[in-house]
């Protein structure tokens, strides 16, 4: 019989910590969309969605312009 490992719970930050992380990601990405380079209407996107157990951690977040963000979600 195969032993099944336990899942690691995803990291979900409280609103204050998430706001700080959000700003940190924007600064890391130079306040530019990482797809098109726009510097307006920026949002932070989870590479692995929260609904798919993606955590609130810097390496799972990327800066996107609102239209690029919508494109990503319309493909999924």
PDB file of N, CA and C in Angstrom:
ATOM      1  N   UNK A   1       0.836  -1.166   0.000  1.00  0.00           N
ATOM      2  CA  UNK A   1       0.000   0.000   0.000  1.00  0.00           C
ATOM      3  C   UNK A   1       0.893   1.245   0.000  1.00  0.00           C
ATOM      4  N   UNK A   2       0.477   2.264  -0.766  1.00  0.00           N
ATOM      5  CA  UNK A   2       1.241   3.492  -0.907  1.00  0.00           C
ATOM      6  C   UNK A   2       0.901   4.474   0.209  1.00  0.00           C
ATOM      7  N   UNK A   3       1.922   5.083   0.787  1.00  0.00           N
ATOM      8  CA  UNK A   3       1.710   6.069   1.838  1.00  0.00           C
ATOM      9  C   UNK A   3       1.500   7.437   1.185  1.00  0.00           C
ATOM     10  N   UNK A   4       0.434   8.120   1.560  1.00  0.00           N
ATOM     11  CA  UNK A   4       0.109   9.436   1.018  1.00  0.00           C
ATOM     12  C   UNK A   4       0.618  10.491   1.984  1.00  0.00           C
ATOM     13  N   UNK A   5       1.417  11.437   1.456  1.00  0.00           N
ATOM     14  CA  UNK A   5       1.943  12.511   2.288  1.00  0.00           C
ATOM     15  C   UNK A   5       0.874  13.537   2.602  1.00  0.00           C
ATOM     16  N   UNK A   6       1.071  14.247   3.671  1.00  0.00           N
ATOM     17  CA  UNK A   6       0.090  15.273   4.031  1.00  0.00           C
ATOM     18  C   UNK A   6       0.325  16.524   3.191  1.00  0.00           C
ATOM     19  N   UNK A   7      -0.762  17.215   2.891  1.00  0.00           N
ATOM     20  CA  UNK A   7      -0.672  18.451   2.133  1.00  0.00           C
ATOM     21  C   UNK A   7      -0.135  19.561   3.020  1.00  0.00           C
ATOM     22  N   UNK A   8       0.629  20.450   2.402  1.00  0.00           N
ATOM     23  CA  UNK A   8       1.084  21.632   3.105  1.00  0.00           C
ATOM     24  C   UNK A   8       0.008  22.699   2.943  1.00  0.00           C
ATOM     25  N   UNK A   9      -0.500  23.233   4.035  1.00  0.00           N
ATOM     26  CA  UNK A   9      -1.545  24.250   3.891  1.00  0.00           C
ATOM     27  C   UNK A   9      -0.996  25.500   3.214  1.00  0.00           C
ATOM     28  N   UNK A  10      -1.837  26.135   2.380  1.00  0.00           N
ATOM     29  CA  UNK A  10      -1.379  27.341   1.695  1.00  0.00           C
ATOM     30  C   UNK A  10      -1.297  28.491   2.683  1.00  0.00           C
ATOM     31  N   UNK A  11      -0.409  29.416   2.388  1.00  0.00           N
ATOM     32  CA  UNK A  11      -0.231  30.591   3.228  1.00  0.00           C
ATOM     33  C   UNK A  11      -1.246  31.649   2.800  1.00  0.00           C
ATOM     34  N   UNK A  12      -2.100  32.060   3.703  1.00  0.00           N
ATOM     35  CA  UNK A  12      -3.082  33.105   3.442  1.00  0.00           C
ATOM     36  C   UNK A  12      -2.882  34.185   4.489  1.00  0.00           C
ATOM     37  N   UNK A  13      -2.384  35.344   4.065  1.00  0.00           N
ATOM     38  CA  UNK A  13      -2.058  36.428   4.985  1.00  0.00           C
ATOM     39  C   UNK A  13      -3.295  37.240   5.368  1.00  0.00           C
ATOM     40  N   UNK A  14      -3.216  37.888   6.525  1.00  0.00           N
ATOM     41  CA  UNK A  14      -4.281  38.819   6.898  1.00  0.00           C
ATOM     42  C   UNK A  14      -4.158  40.063   6.014  1.00  0.00           C
ATOM     43  N   UNK A  15      -5.168  40.907   6.025  1.00  0.00           N
ATOM     44  CA  UNK A  15      -5.222  42.022   5.075  1.00  0.00           C
ATOM     45  C   UNK A  15      -4.052  42.997   5.209  1.00  0.00           C
ATOM     46  N   UNK A  16      -3.594  43.277   6.421  1.00  0.00           N
ATOM     47  CA  UNK A  16      -2.463  44.195   6.594  1.00  0.00           C
ATOM     48  C   UNK A  16      -1.171  43.609   6.038  1.00  0.00           C
ATOM     49  N   UNK A  17      -0.910  42.364   6.336  1.00  0.00           N
ATOM     50  CA  UNK A  17       0.300  41.710   5.823  1.00  0.00           C
ATOM     51  C   UNK A  17       0.235  41.558   4.307  1.00  0.00           C
ATOM     52  N   UNK A  18      -0.962  41.255   3.779  1.00  0.00           N
ATOM     53  CA  UNK A  18      -1.099  41.111   2.330  1.00  0.00           C
ATOM     54  C   UNK A  18      -0.864  42.446   1.625  1.00  0.00           C
ATOM     55  N   UNK A  19      -1.344  43.541   2.216  1.00  0.00           N
ATOM     56  CA  UNK A  19      -1.119  44.867   1.647  1.00  0.00           C
ATOM     57  C   UNK A  19       0.378  45.172   1.562  1.00  0.00           C
ATOM     58  N   UNK A  20       1.125  44.815   2.611  1.00  0.00           N
ATOM     59  CA  UNK A  20       2.578  45.019   2.612  1.00  0.00           C
ATOM     60  C   UNK A  20       3.244  44.166   1.536  1.00  0.00           C
ATOM     61  N   UNK A  21       2.821  42.916   1.421  1.00  0.00           N
ATOM     62  CA  UNK A  21       3.376  42.024   0.411  1.00  0.00           C
ATOM     63  C   UNK A  21       3.043  42.532  -0.994  1.00  0.00           C
ATOM     64  N   UNK A  22       1.835  43.008  -1.182  1.00  0.00           N
ATOM     65  CA  UNK A  22       1.380  43.570  -2.454  1.00  0.00           C
ATOM     66  C   UNK A  22       2.332  44.689  -2.897  1.00  0.00           C
ATOM     67  N   UNK A  23       2.624  45.602  -1.991  1.00  0.00           N
ATOM     68  CA  UNK A  23       3.532  46.716  -2.299  1.00  0.00           C
ATOM     69  C   UNK A  23       4.947  46.205  -2.579  1.00  0.00           C
ATOM     70  N   UNK A  24       5.380  45.236  -1.823  1.00  0.00           N
ATOM     71  CA  UNK A  24       6.710  44.650  -2.004  1.00  0.00           C
ATOM     72  C   UNK A  24       6.833  44.046  -3.411  1.00  0.00           C
ATOM     73  N   UNK A  25       5.798  43.371  -3.883  1.00  0.00           N
ATOM     74  CA  UNK A  25       5.798  42.768  -5.217  1.00  0.00           C
ATOM     75  C   UNK A  25       5.835  43.859  -6.285  1.00  0.00           C
ATOM     76  N   UNK A  26       5.033  44.913  -6.110  1.00  0.00           N
ATOM     77  CA  UNK A  26       5.049  46.031  -7.063  1.00  0.00           C
ATOM     78  C   UNK A  26       6.443  46.652  -7.144  1.00  0.00           C
ATOM     79  N   UNK A  27       7.067  46.852  -5.991  1.00  0.00           N
ATOM     80  CA  UNK A  27       8.425  47.419  -5.976  1.00  0.00           C
ATOM     81  C   UNK A  27       9.422  46.465  -6.612  1.00  0.00           C
ATOM     82  N   UNK A  28       9.333  45.191  -6.295  1.00  0.00           N
ATOM     83  CA  UNK A  28      10.239  44.192  -6.880  1.00  0.00           C
ATOM     84  C   UNK A  28      10.162  44.204  -8.401  1.00  0.00           C
ATOM     85  N   UNK A  29       8.937  44.349  -8.922  1.00  0.00           N
ATOM     86  CA  UNK A  29       8.722  44.313 -10.369  1.00  0.00           C
ATOM     87  C   UNK A  29       8.887  45.675 -11.031  1.00  0.00           C
ATOM     88  N   UNK A  30       9.395  46.653 -10.273  1.00  0.00           N
ATOM     89  CA  UNK A  30       9.681  47.969 -10.833  1.00  0.00           C
ATOM     90  C   UNK A  30       8.440  48.749 -11.235  1.00  0.00           C
ATOM     91  N   UNK A  31       7.307  48.448 -10.581  1.00  0.00           N
ATOM     92  CA  UNK A  31       6.051  49.140 -10.870  1.00  0.00           C
ATOM     93  C   UNK A  31       5.695  49.028 -12.347  1.00  0.00           C
ATOM     94  N   UNK A  32       5.943  47.849 -12.938  1.00  0.00           N
ATOM     95  CA  UNK A  32       5.637  47.591 -14.353  1.00  0.00           C
ATOM     96  C   UNK A  32       4.955  46.239 -14.492  1.00  0.00           C
ATOM     97  N   UNK A  33       4.014  46.185 -15.432  1.00  0.00           N
ATOM     98  CA  UNK A  33       3.407  44.911 -15.788  1.00  0.00           C
ATOM     99  C   UNK A  33       4.506  44.002 -16.323  1.00  0.00           C
ATOM    100  N   UNK A  34       4.554  42.782 -15.851  1.00  0.00           N
ATOM    101  CA  UNK A  34       5.591  41.844 -16.269  1.00  0.00           C
ATOM    102  C   UNK A  34       5.272  41.182 -17.606  1.00  0.00           C
ATOM    103  N   UNK A  35       4.120  41.530 -18.197  1.00  0.00           N
ATOM    104  CA  UNK A  35       3.766  41.037 -19.523  1.00  0.00           C
ATOM    105  C   UNK A  35       3.996  42.101 -20.584  1.00  0.00           C
ATOM    106  N   UNK A  36       3.458  43.314 -20.369  1.00  0.00           N
ATOM    107  CA  UNK A  36       3.512  44.338 -21.417  1.00  0.00           C
ATOM    108  C   UNK A  36       4.336  45.565 -21.056  1.00  0.00           C
ATOM    109  N   UNK A  37       4.720  45.711 -19.793  1.00  0.00           N
ATOM    110  CA  UNK A  37       5.536  46.843 -19.376  1.00  0.00           C
ATOM    111  C   UNK A  37       4.762  48.080 -18.943  1.00  0.00           C
ATOM    112  N   UNK A  38       3.435  48.039 -18.998  1.00  0.00           N
ATOM    113  CA  UNK A  38       2.620  49.190 -18.590  1.00  0.00           C
ATOM    114  C   UNK A  38       2.902  49.550 -17.136  1.00  0.00           C
ATOM    115  N   UNK A  39       2.776  50.848 -16.843  1.00  0.00           N
ATOM    116  CA  UNK A  39       2.964  51.318 -15.472  1.00  0.00           C
ATOM    117  C   UNK A  39       1.669  51.871 -14.889  1.00  0.00           C
ATOM    118  N   UNK A  40       0.530  51.618 -15.548  1.00  0.00           N
ATOM    119  CA  UNK A  40      -0.753  52.135 -15.079  1.00  0.00           C
ATOM    120  C   UNK A  40      -1.695  50.994 -14.737  1.00  0.00           C
ATOM    121  N   UNK A  41      -2.601  51.255 -13.813  1.00  0.00           N
ATOM    122  CA  UNK A  41      -3.636  50.283 -13.426  1.00  0.00           C
ATOM    123  C   UNK A  41      -3.055  48.902 -13.119  1.00  0.00           C
ATOM    124  N   UNK A  42      -2.068  48.883 -12.247  1.00  0.00           N
ATOM    125  CA  UNK A  42      -1.380  47.634 -11.910  1.00  0.00           C
ATOM    126  C   UNK A  42      -2.136  46.846 -10.853  1.00  0.00           C
ATOM    127  N   UNK A  43      -2.043  45.547 -10.978  1.00  0.00           N
ATOM    128  CA  UNK A  43      -2.623  44.615 -10.013  1.00  0.00           C
ATOM    129  C   UNK A  43      -1.596  43.530  -9.738  1.00  0.00           C
ATOM    130  N   UNK A  44      -1.773  42.853  -8.621  1.00  0.00           N
ATOM    131  CA  UNK A  44      -0.887  41.736  -8.274  1.00  0.00           C
ATOM    132  C   UNK A  44      -1.664  40.445  -8.496  1.00  0.00           C
ATOM    133  N   UNK A  45      -1.045  39.537  -9.241  1.00  0.00           N
ATOM    134  CA  UNK A  45      -1.688  38.292  -9.663  1.00  0.00           C
ATOM    135  C   UNK A  45      -1.005  37.092  -9.015  1.00  0.00           C
ATOM    136  N   UNK A  46      -1.803  36.118  -8.581  1.00  0.00           N
ATOM    137  CA  UNK A  46      -1.277  34.854  -8.067  1.00  0.00           C
ATOM    138  C   UNK A  46      -0.969  33.938  -9.246  1.00  0.00           C
ATOM    139  N   UNK A  47       0.276  33.504  -9.388  1.00  0.00           N
ATOM    140  CA  UNK A  47       0.636  32.585 -10.468  1.00  0.00           C
ATOM    141  C   UNK A  47      -0.096  31.259 -10.303  1.00  0.00           C
ATOM    142  N   UNK A  48      -0.087  30.736  -9.098  1.00  0.00           N
ATOM    143  CA  UNK A  48      -0.915  29.579  -8.770  1.00  0.00           C
ATOM    144  C   UNK A  48      -2.076  30.139  -7.947  1.00  0.00           C
ATOM    145  N   UNK A  49      -3.275  30.047  -8.510  1.00  0.00           N
ATOM    146  CA  UNK A  49      -4.439  30.684  -7.905  1.00  0.00           C
ATOM    147  C   UNK A  49      -4.685  30.184  -6.482  1.00  0.00           C
ATOM    148  N   UNK A  50      -5.262  31.053  -5.675  1.00  0.00           N
ATOM    149  CA  UNK A  50      -5.639  30.669  -4.312  1.00  0.00           C
ATOM    150  C   UNK A  50      -6.580  29.470  -4.339  1.00  0.00           C
ATOM    151  N   UNK A  51      -7.483  29.445  -5.322  1.00  0.00           N
ATOM    152  CA  UNK A  51      -8.448  28.339  -5.427  1.00  0.00           C
ATOM    153  C   UNK A  51      -7.769  27.008  -5.742  1.00  0.00           C
ATOM    154  N   UNK A  52      -6.514  27.076  -6.187  1.00  0.00           N
ATOM    155  CA  UNK A  52      -5.748  25.865  -6.488  1.00  0.00           C
ATOM    156  C   UNK A  52      -4.625  25.691  -5.465  1.00  0.00           C
ATOM    157  N   UNK A  53      -4.854  26.202  -4.271  1.00  0.00           N
ATOM    158  CA  UNK A  53      -3.926  26.112  -3.138  1.00  0.00           C
ATOM    159  C   UNK A  53      -2.671  26.966  -3.301  1.00  0.00           C
ATOM    160  N   UNK A  54      -2.752  28.004  -4.131  1.00  0.00           N
ATOM    161  CA  UNK A  54      -1.630  28.936  -4.252  1.00  0.00           C
ATOM    162  C   UNK A  54      -1.578  29.846  -3.049  1.00  0.00           C
ATOM    163  N   UNK A  55      -0.410  30.050  -2.512  1.00  0.00           N
ATOM    164  CA  UNK A  55      -0.256  30.831  -1.293  1.00  0.00           C
ATOM    165  C   UNK A  55       0.060  32.289  -1.537  1.00  0.00           C
ATOM    166  N   UNK A  56      -0.109  33.075  -0.499  1.00  0.00           N
ATOM    167  CA  UNK A  56       0.247  34.489  -0.508  1.00  0.00           C
ATOM    168  C   UNK A  56       1.717  34.614  -0.137  1.00  0.00           C
ATOM    169  N   UNK A  57       2.578  34.300  -1.095  1.00  0.00           N
ATOM    170  CA  UNK A  57       4.011  34.454  -0.866  1.00  0.00           C
ATOM    171  C   UNK A  57       4.619  35.096  -2.100  1.00  0.00           C
ATOM    172  N   UNK A  58       5.693  35.819  -1.902  1.00  0.00           N
ATOM    173  CA  UNK A  58       6.271  36.648  -2.963  1.00  0.00           C
ATOM    174  C   UNK A  58       6.551  35.881  -4.254  1.00  0.00           C
ATOM    175  N   UNK A  59       7.082  34.682  -4.152  1.00  0.00           N
ATOM    176  CA  UNK A  59       7.427  33.931  -5.357  1.00  0.00           C
ATOM    177  C   UNK A  59       6.202  33.436  -6.129  1.00  0.00           C
ATOM    178  N   UNK A  60       5.004  33.561  -5.565  1.00  0.00           N
ATOM    179  CA  UNK A  60       3.774  33.168  -6.248  1.00  0.00           C
ATOM    180  C   UNK A  60       3.011  34.376  -6.802  1.00  0.00           C
ATOM    181  N   UNK A  61       3.592  35.567  -6.698  1.00  0.00           N
ATOM    182  CA  UNK A  61       2.902  36.785  -7.111  1.00  0.00           C
ATOM    183  C   UNK A  61       3.671  37.509  -8.205  1.00  0.00           C
ATOM    184  N   UNK A  62       2.925  38.177  -9.091  1.00  0.00           N
ATOM    185  CA  UNK A  62       3.510  38.922 -10.196  1.00  0.00           C
ATOM    186  C   UNK A  62       2.662  40.168 -10.445  1.00  0.00           C
ATOM    187  N   UNK A  63       3.298  41.231 -10.921  1.00  0.00           N
ATOM    188  CA  UNK A  63       2.601  42.470 -11.237  1.00  0.00           C
ATOM    189  C   UNK A  63       2.092  42.418 -12.671  1.00  0.00           C
ATOM    190  N   UNK A  64       0.795  42.720 -12.840  1.00  0.00           N
ATOM    191  CA  UNK A  64       0.188  42.761 -14.167  1.00  0.00           C
ATOM    192  C   UNK A  64      -0.684  44.006 -14.303  1.00  0.00           C
ATOM    193  N   UNK A  65      -0.753  44.551 -15.526  1.00  0.00           N
ATOM    194  CA  UNK A  65      -1.690  45.611 -15.869  1.00  0.00           C
ATOM    195  C   UNK A  65      -3.075  44.983 -15.866  1.00  0.00           C
ATOM    196  N   UNK A  66      -4.099  45.759 -15.553  1.00  0.00           N
ATOM    197  CA  UNK A  66      -5.444  45.226 -15.409  1.00  0.00           C
ATOM    198  C   UNK A  66      -5.877  44.425 -16.644  1.00  0.00           C
ATOM    199  N   UNK A  67      -5.566  44.881 -17.849  1.00  0.00           N
ATOM    200  CA  UNK A  67      -5.975  44.151 -19.056  1.00  0.00           C
ATOM    201  C   UNK A  67      -5.219  42.827 -19.199  1.00  0.00           C
ATOM    202  N   UNK A  68      -3.932  42.825 -18.892  1.00  0.00           N
ATOM    203  CA  UNK A  68      -3.156  41.575 -18.929  1.00  0.00           C
ATOM    204  C   UNK A  68      -3.671  40.607 -17.873  1.00  0.00           C
ATOM    205  N   UNK A  69      -4.064  41.136 -16.715  1.00  0.00           N
ATOM    206  CA  UNK A  69      -4.610  40.312 -15.637  1.00  0.00           C
ATOM    207  C   UNK A  69      -5.917  39.661 -16.092  1.00  0.00           C
ATOM    208  N   UNK A  70      -6.779  40.451 -16.736  1.00  0.00           N
ATOM    209  CA  UNK A  70      -8.037  39.907 -17.255  1.00  0.00           C
ATOM    210  C   UNK A  70      -7.773  38.822 -18.303  1.00  0.00           C
ATOM    211  N   UNK A  71      -6.776  39.039 -19.156  1.00  0.00           N
ATOM    212  CA  UNK A  71      -6.426  38.036 -20.184  1.00  0.00           C
ATOM    213  C   UNK A  71      -6.022  36.716 -19.549  1.00  0.00           C
ATOM    214  N   UNK A  72      -5.224  36.772 -18.506  1.00  0.00           N
ATOM    215  CA  UNK A  72      -4.776  35.563 -17.821  1.00  0.00           C
ATOM    216  C   UNK A  72      -5.986  34.783 -17.297  1.00  0.00           C
ATOM    217  N   UNK A  73      -6.913  35.483 -16.671  1.00  0.00           N
ATOM    218  CA  UNK A  73      -8.070  34.813 -16.083  1.00  0.00           C
ATOM    219  C   UNK A  73      -9.069  34.336 -17.144  1.00  0.00           C
ATOM    220  N   UNK A  74      -9.121  34.986 -18.282  1.00  0.00           N
ATOM    221  CA  UNK A  74     -10.053  34.557 -19.322  1.00  0.00           C
ATOM    222  C   UNK A  74      -9.566  33.281 -20.016  1.00  0.00           C
ATOM    223  N   UNK A  75      -8.268  33.007 -19.949  1.00  0.00           N
ATOM    224  CA  UNK A  75      -7.701  31.786 -20.541  1.00  0.00           C
ATOM    225  C   UNK A  75      -7.959  30.566 -19.677  1.00  0.00           C
ATOM    226  N   UNK A  76      -8.168  30.766 -18.388  1.00  0.00           N
ATOM    227  CA  UNK A  76      -8.327  29.627 -17.470  1.00  0.00           C
ATOM    228  C   UNK A  76      -9.757  29.213 -17.295  1.00  0.00           C
TER     229      UNK A  76
END
